[in-house]
C-alpha atoms as a PDB file:
ATOM      1  CA  MET A   1      11.853 -82.498   9.142  1.00  0.00           C
ATOM      2  CA  PHE A   2      14.775 -84.943   8.994  1.00  0.00           C
ATOM      3  CA  GLY A   3      14.375 -85.470   5.255  1.00  0.00           C
ATOM      4  CA  LEU A   4      14.856 -81.774   4.460  1.00  0.00           C
ATOM      5  CA  PRO A   5      18.188 -80.256   3.397  1.00  0.00           C
ATOM      6  CA  VAL A   6      20.214 -78.446   6.042  1.00  0.00           C
ATOM      7  CA  LEU A   7      20.011 -75.146   4.147  1.00  0.00           C
ATOM      8  CA  GLU A   8      17.040 -73.930   2.114  1.00  0.00           C
ATOM      9  CA  PHE A   9      16.512 -70.624   0.359  1.00  0.00           C
ATOM     10  CA  SER A  10      13.135 -68.970   0.639  1.00  0.00           C
ATOM     11  CA  THR A  11      11.169 -68.258  -2.504  1.00  0.00           C
ATOM     12  CA  LYS A  12       8.890 -65.772  -0.736  1.00  0.00           C
ATOM     13  CA  ALA A  13       9.920 -62.345   0.556  1.00  0.00           C
ATOM     14  CA  ARG A  14       9.219 -62.224   4.283  1.00  0.00           C
ATOM     15  CA  THR A  15       8.986 -58.530   4.997  1.00  0.00           C
ATOM     16  CA  GLY A  16       6.499 -55.892   5.941  1.00  0.00           C
ATOM     17  CA  MET A  17       5.119 -53.882   8.805  1.00  0.00           C
ATOM     18  CA  GLY A  18       4.571 -56.937  11.007  1.00  0.00           C
ATOM     19  CA  GLN A  19       8.222 -57.967  10.859  1.00  0.00           C
ATOM     20  CA  TRP A  20       9.457 -54.420  11.429  1.00  0.00           C
ATOM     21  CA  VAL A  21       7.312 -53.854  14.497  1.00  0.00           C
ATOM     22  CA  SER A  22       8.047 -57.295  15.962  1.00  0.00           C
ATOM     23  CA  GLU A  23      11.784 -56.697  15.507  1.00  0.00           C
ATOM     24  CA  ALA A  24      11.541 -53.382  17.327  1.00  0.00           C
ATOM     25  CA  ILE A  25       9.578 -54.960  20.178  1.00  0.00           C
ATOM     26  CA  ALA A  26      12.042 -57.857  20.423  1.00  0.00           C
ATOM     27  CA  ARG A  27      14.991 -55.478  20.541  1.00  0.00           C
ATOM     28  CA  ALA A  28      13.275 -53.366  23.193  1.00  0.00           C
ATOM     29  CA  MET A  29      12.826 -56.458  25.369  1.00  0.00           C
ATOM     30  CA  SER A  30      16.401 -57.704  24.953  1.00  0.00           C
ATOM     31  CA  ASN A  31      19.006 -56.966  27.568  1.00  0.00           C
ATOM     32  CA  THR A  32      21.958 -56.676  25.185  1.00  0.00           C
ATOM     33  CA  PHE A  33      24.123 -53.926  23.734  1.00  0.00           C
ATOM     34  CA  ALA A  34      22.080 -54.153  20.509  1.00  0.00           C
ATOM     35  CA  GLY A  35      18.785 -53.582  22.290  1.00  0.00           C
ATOM     36  CA  ILE A  36      16.633 -50.471  22.074  1.00  0.00           C
ATOM     37  CA  ALA A  37      15.391 -48.596  25.122  1.00  0.00           C
ATOM     38  CA  PRO A  38      11.611 -49.143  25.304  1.00  0.00           C
ATOM     39  CA  ALA A  39      10.997 -45.382  25.143  1.00  0.00           C
ATOM     40  CA  HIS A  40      12.884 -45.231  21.815  1.00  0.00           C
ATOM     41  CA  VAL A  41      10.825 -47.921  20.023  1.00  0.00           C
ATOM     42  CA  PRO A  42       8.376 -45.477  18.339  1.00  0.00           C
ATOM     43  CA  GLY A  43      11.278 -43.412  16.973  1.00  0.00           C
ATOM     44  CA  PHE A  44      13.011 -46.591  15.793  1.00  0.00           C
ATOM     45  CA  VAL A  45       9.904 -47.780  13.946  1.00  0.00           C
ATOM     46  CA  ILE A  46       9.393 -44.351  12.347  1.00  0.00           C
ATOM     47  CA  ALA A  47      13.054 -44.263  11.278  1.00  0.00           C
ATOM     48  CA  GLN A  48      12.706 -47.734   9.726  1.00  0.00           C
ATOM     49  CA  ILE A  49       9.631 -46.656   7.752  1.00  0.00           C
ATOM     50  CA  LEU A  50      11.309 -43.447   6.582  1.00  0.00           C
ATOM     51  CA  GLY A  51      14.369 -45.444   5.529  1.00  0.00           C
ATOM     52  CA  ALA A  52      12.203 -47.866   3.525  1.00  0.00           C
ATOM     53  CA  LEU A  53      10.440 -44.951   1.801  1.00  0.00           C
ATOM     54  CA  ALA A  54      13.780 -43.303   1.005  1.00  0.00           C
ATOM     55  CA  ALA A  55      15.097 -46.576  -0.438  1.00  0.00           C
ATOM     56  CA  LYS A  56      12.003 -46.949  -2.637  1.00  0.00           C
ATOM     57  CA  LEU A  57      12.368 -43.357  -3.873  1.00  0.00           C
ATOM     58  CA  ALA A  58      16.070 -43.958  -4.631  1.00  0.00           C
ATOM     59  CA  ALA A  59      15.225 -47.166  -6.516  1.00  0.00           C
ATOM     60  CA  ILE A  60      12.541 -45.407  -8.561  1.00  0.00           C
ATOM     61  CA  THR A  61      14.986 -42.590  -9.348  1.00  0.00           C
ATOM     62  CA  LEU A  62      17.876 -44.902 -10.258  1.00  0.00           C
ATOM     63  CA  PHE A  63      15.821 -47.474 -12.175  1.00  0.00           C
ATOM     64  CA  PRO A  64      12.940 -45.564 -13.813  1.00  0.00           C
ATOM     65  CA  ASP A  65      12.293 -48.135 -16.562  1.00  0.00           C
ATOM     66  CA  GLU A  66      11.876 -51.117 -14.219  1.00  0.00           C
ATOM     67  CA  PRO A  67       8.297 -52.361 -13.761  1.00  0.00           C
ATOM     68  CA  ASP A  68       6.756 -51.670 -10.354  1.00  0.00           C
ATOM     69  CA  PRO A  69       5.957 -55.062  -8.721  1.00  0.00           C
ATOM     70  CA  ASP A  70       3.341 -53.407  -6.485  1.00  0.00           C
ATOM     71  CA  LYS A  71       1.363 -52.219  -9.528  1.00  0.00           C
ATOM     72  CA  ASP A  72       1.729 -55.569 -11.314  1.00  0.00           C
ATOM     73  CA  ALA A  73       0.360 -57.501  -8.333  1.00  0.00           C
ATOM     74  CA  ALA A  74      -2.889 -55.492  -8.170  1.00  0.00           C
END
């Protein structure tokens, strides 16, 4: 641990459903102005998923010639 640099950049994307849900749960349990009311967590998660789908659709529309990394990985 002490031999590592102070700042390191990740080479792996850390994203997905697990991170989205855990973030929503963590925000619901926080007692801050940025928290989410526990009753609003399902709506928050659904909005996050819809936003991700909209971003993917926009990327496909704007960059139609780019290879799809999801298809290349399979």
